[in-house]
Amino acid sequence: MDPCLSGRSRLRGHLRVPAPGSSDTVDRMSDDVSIGGESIRLGQFLKFAGLLDSGGDAKEAIIDGYVRVNGEVERRRGRQLVDGDLVSYEDRTVRVRP
């Protein structure tokens, strides 16, 4: 069973919610996040991109199967992301850019 459908998330509601009118609310499906280098680990990226507030939340979301990379569930927090990778959490998808 897909963990996203099980309703058993251990996350405690720490999802970053953008302020009304901020640029984050414009087009959630085409957000690009520049990482300032060639690669970044998935757990770090989730925090850096503002998808989750803490490393602990990122770790739980990844382990529980709530994070997708390029459309596939990814459970490795240390997965190296590179230019063009798409990372999804809940209703938001962002693209990794150098």
C-alpha atoms as a PDB file:
ATOM      1  CA  MET A   1       0.000   0.000   0.000  1.00  0.00           C
ATOM      2  CA  ASP A   2       1.233   3.471  -0.841  1.00  0.00           C
ATOM      3  CA  PRO A   3       2.184   5.177   2.471  1.00  0.00           C
ATOM      4  CA  CYS A   4       0.679   8.388   1.140  1.00  0.00           C
ATOM      5  CA  LEU A   5      -2.728   6.705   1.301  1.00  0.00           C
ATOM      6  CA  SER A   6      -2.327   4.933   4.620  1.00  0.00           C
ATOM      7  CA  GLY A   7      -2.917   8.010   6.775  1.00  0.00           C
ATOM      8  CA  ARG A   8      -0.148   6.967   9.179  1.00  0.00           C
ATOM      9  CA  SER A   9       2.255   9.844   8.762  1.00  0.00           C
ATOM     10  CA  ARG A  10       4.450  10.595  11.753  1.00  0.00           C
ATOM     11  CA  LEU A  11       4.993  14.142  10.564  1.00  0.00           C
ATOM     12  CA  ARG A  12       3.671  16.748  12.905  1.00  0.00           C
ATOM     13  CA  GLY A  13       2.455  19.437  10.549  1.00  0.00           C
ATOM     14  CA  HIS A  14       5.756  21.226  10.015  1.00  0.00           C
ATOM     15  CA  LEU A  15       5.147  21.840   6.333  1.00  0.00           C
ATOM     16  CA  ARG A  16       6.263  25.306   5.321  1.00  0.00           C
ATOM     17  CA  VAL A  17       3.246  27.305   4.200  1.00  0.00           C
ATOM     18  CA  PRO A  18       4.061  30.315   2.004  1.00  0.00           C
ATOM     19  CA  ALA A  19       2.601  33.685   2.877  1.00  0.00           C
ATOM     20  CA  PRO A  20      -0.355  34.776   0.736  1.00  0.00           C
ATOM     21  CA  GLY A  21       0.866  36.712  -2.267  1.00  0.00           C
ATOM     22  CA  SER A  22       4.439  35.414  -2.020  1.00  0.00           C
ATOM     23  CA  SER A  23       6.175  34.186  -5.153  1.00  0.00           C
ATOM     24  CA  ASP A  24       5.889  30.621  -3.793  1.00  0.00           C
ATOM     25  CA  THR A  25       2.145  30.673  -4.415  1.00  0.00           C
ATOM     26  CA  VAL A  26       2.353  31.592  -8.105  1.00  0.00           C
ATOM     27  CA  ASP A  27       3.061  28.291  -9.887  1.00  0.00           C
ATOM     28  CA  ARG A  28       3.813  25.329  -7.665  1.00  0.00           C
ATOM     29  CA  MET A  29       4.349  22.928 -10.546  1.00  0.00           C
ATOM     30  CA  SER A  30       7.272  24.813 -12.079  1.00  0.00           C
ATOM     31  CA  ASP A  31       9.340  25.949  -9.089  1.00  0.00           C
ATOM     32  CA  ASP A  32      13.078  25.836  -9.764  1.00  0.00           C
ATOM     33  CA  VAL A  33      15.473  25.830  -6.813  1.00  0.00           C
ATOM     34  CA  SER A  34      19.090  26.789  -7.455  1.00  0.00           C
ATOM     35  CA  ILE A  35      21.431  24.781  -5.226  1.00  0.00           C
ATOM     36  CA  GLY A  36      24.596  26.768  -5.975  1.00  0.00           C
ATOM     37  CA  GLY A  37      26.549  23.691  -7.029  1.00  0.00           C
ATOM     38  CA  GLU A  38      26.339  20.490  -9.030  1.00  0.00           C
ATOM     39  CA  SER A  39      24.652  18.195  -6.496  1.00  0.00           C
ATOM     40  CA  ILE A  40      22.929  18.105  -3.121  1.00  0.00           C
ATOM     41  CA  ARG A  41      21.625  15.314  -0.881  1.00  0.00           C
ATOM     42  CA  LEU A  42      17.868  14.770  -0.821  1.00  0.00           C
ATOM     43  CA  GLY A  43      17.465  15.466   2.906  1.00  0.00           C
ATOM     44  CA  GLN A  44      19.368  18.735   2.603  1.00  0.00           C
ATOM     45  CA  PHE A  45      17.398  19.743  -0.475  1.00  0.00           C
ATOM     46  CA  LEU A  46      14.031  19.257   1.220  1.00  0.00           C
ATOM     47  CA  LYS A  47      15.054  21.778   3.888  1.00  0.00           C
ATOM     48  CA  PHE A  48      16.841  24.125   1.464  1.00  0.00           C
ATOM     49  CA  ALA A  49      13.847  24.253  -0.897  1.00  0.00           C
ATOM     50  CA  GLY A  50      11.489  24.927   2.015  1.00  0.00           C
ATOM     51  CA  LEU A  51       9.482  21.752   1.511  1.00  0.00           C
ATOM     52  CA  LEU A  52      10.085  20.758   5.150  1.00  0.00           C
ATOM     53  CA  ASP A  53      11.277  22.744   8.153  1.00  0.00           C
ATOM     54  CA  SER A  54      13.850  20.420   9.695  1.00  0.00           C
ATOM     55  CA  GLY A  55      16.192  17.562   9.005  1.00  0.00           C
ATOM     56  CA  GLY A  56      14.153  15.358  11.326  1.00  0.00           C
ATOM     57  CA  ASP A  57      10.978  16.052   9.367  1.00  0.00           C
ATOM     58  CA  ALA A  58      12.830  15.400   6.102  1.00  0.00           C
ATOM     59  CA  LYS A  59      14.160  12.084   7.433  1.00  0.00           C
ATOM     60  CA  GLU A  60      10.682  10.934   8.518  1.00  0.00           C
ATOM     61  CA  ALA A  61       9.052  11.981   5.239  1.00  0.00           C
ATOM     62  CA  ILE A  62      11.692  10.102   3.235  1.00  0.00           C
ATOM     63  CA  ILE A  63      11.595   6.940   5.370  1.00  0.00           C
ATOM     64  CA  ASP A  64       7.781   6.897   5.326  1.00  0.00           C
ATOM     65  CA  GLY A  65       7.767   7.115   1.505  1.00  0.00           C
ATOM     66  CA  TYR A  66       6.205  10.557   1.154  1.00  0.00           C
ATOM     67  CA  VAL A  67       8.983  11.965  -1.058  1.00  0.00           C
ATOM     68  CA  ARG A  68       9.303  11.278  -4.773  1.00  0.00           C
ATOM     69  CA  VAL A  69      12.272  11.934  -7.037  1.00  0.00           C
ATOM     70  CA  ASN A  70      11.486  11.988 -10.743  1.00  0.00           C
ATOM     71  CA  GLY A  71       8.118  10.376 -10.016  1.00  0.00           C
ATOM     72  CA  GLU A  72       9.483   7.444  -7.981  1.00  0.00           C
ATOM     73  CA  VAL A  73       9.298   7.036  -4.192  1.00  0.00           C
ATOM     74  CA  GLU A  74      12.784   7.637  -2.778  1.00  0.00           C
ATOM     75  CA  ARG A  75      13.715   6.340   0.678  1.00  0.00           C
ATOM     76  CA  ARG A  76      17.424   7.224   0.661  1.00  0.00           C
ATOM     77  CA  ARG A  77      18.046  10.502   2.492  1.00  0.00           C
ATOM     78  CA  GLY A  78      21.557  10.661   1.021  1.00  0.00           C
ATOM     79  CA  ARG A  79      20.406  10.349  -2.600  1.00  0.00           C
ATOM     80  CA  GLN A  80      22.422  12.803  -4.673  1.00  0.00           C
ATOM     81  CA  LEU A  81      20.227  15.179  -6.664  1.00  0.00           C
ATOM     82  CA  VAL A  82      21.527  16.856  -9.804  1.00  0.00           C
ATOM     83  CA  ASP A  83      20.341  19.450 -12.323  1.00  0.00           C
ATOM     84  CA  GLY A  84      16.888  18.623 -13.650  1.00  0.00           C
ATOM     85  CA  ASP A  85      15.784  16.204 -10.927  1.00  0.00           C
ATOM     86  CA  LEU A  86      12.164  16.730  -9.844  1.00  0.00           C
ATOM     87  CA  VAL A  87      11.438  16.395  -6.127  1.00  0.00           C
ATOM     88  CA  SER A  88       7.846  16.097  -4.905  1.00  0.00           C
ATOM     89  CA  TYR A  89       6.387  16.312  -1.425  1.00  0.00           C
ATOM     90  CA  GLU A  90       2.648  16.604  -0.804  1.00  0.00           C
ATOM     91  CA  ASP A  91       1.214  18.991  -3.413  1.00  0.00           C
ATOM     92  CA  ARG A  92       4.490  20.660  -4.371  1.00  0.00           C
ATOM     93  CA  THR A  93       7.089  19.679  -6.977  1.00  0.00           C
ATOM     94  CA  VAL A  94      10.372  21.524  -7.428  1.00  0.00           C
ATOM     95  CA  ARG A  95      13.168  21.147  -9.968  1.00  0.00           C
ATOM     96  CA  VAL A  96      16.840  21.093  -8.946  1.00  0.00           C
ATOM     97  CA  ARG A  97      18.957  23.716 -10.705  1.00  0.00           C
ATOM     98  CA  PRO A  98      22.711  24.392 -10.308  1.00  0.00           C
END
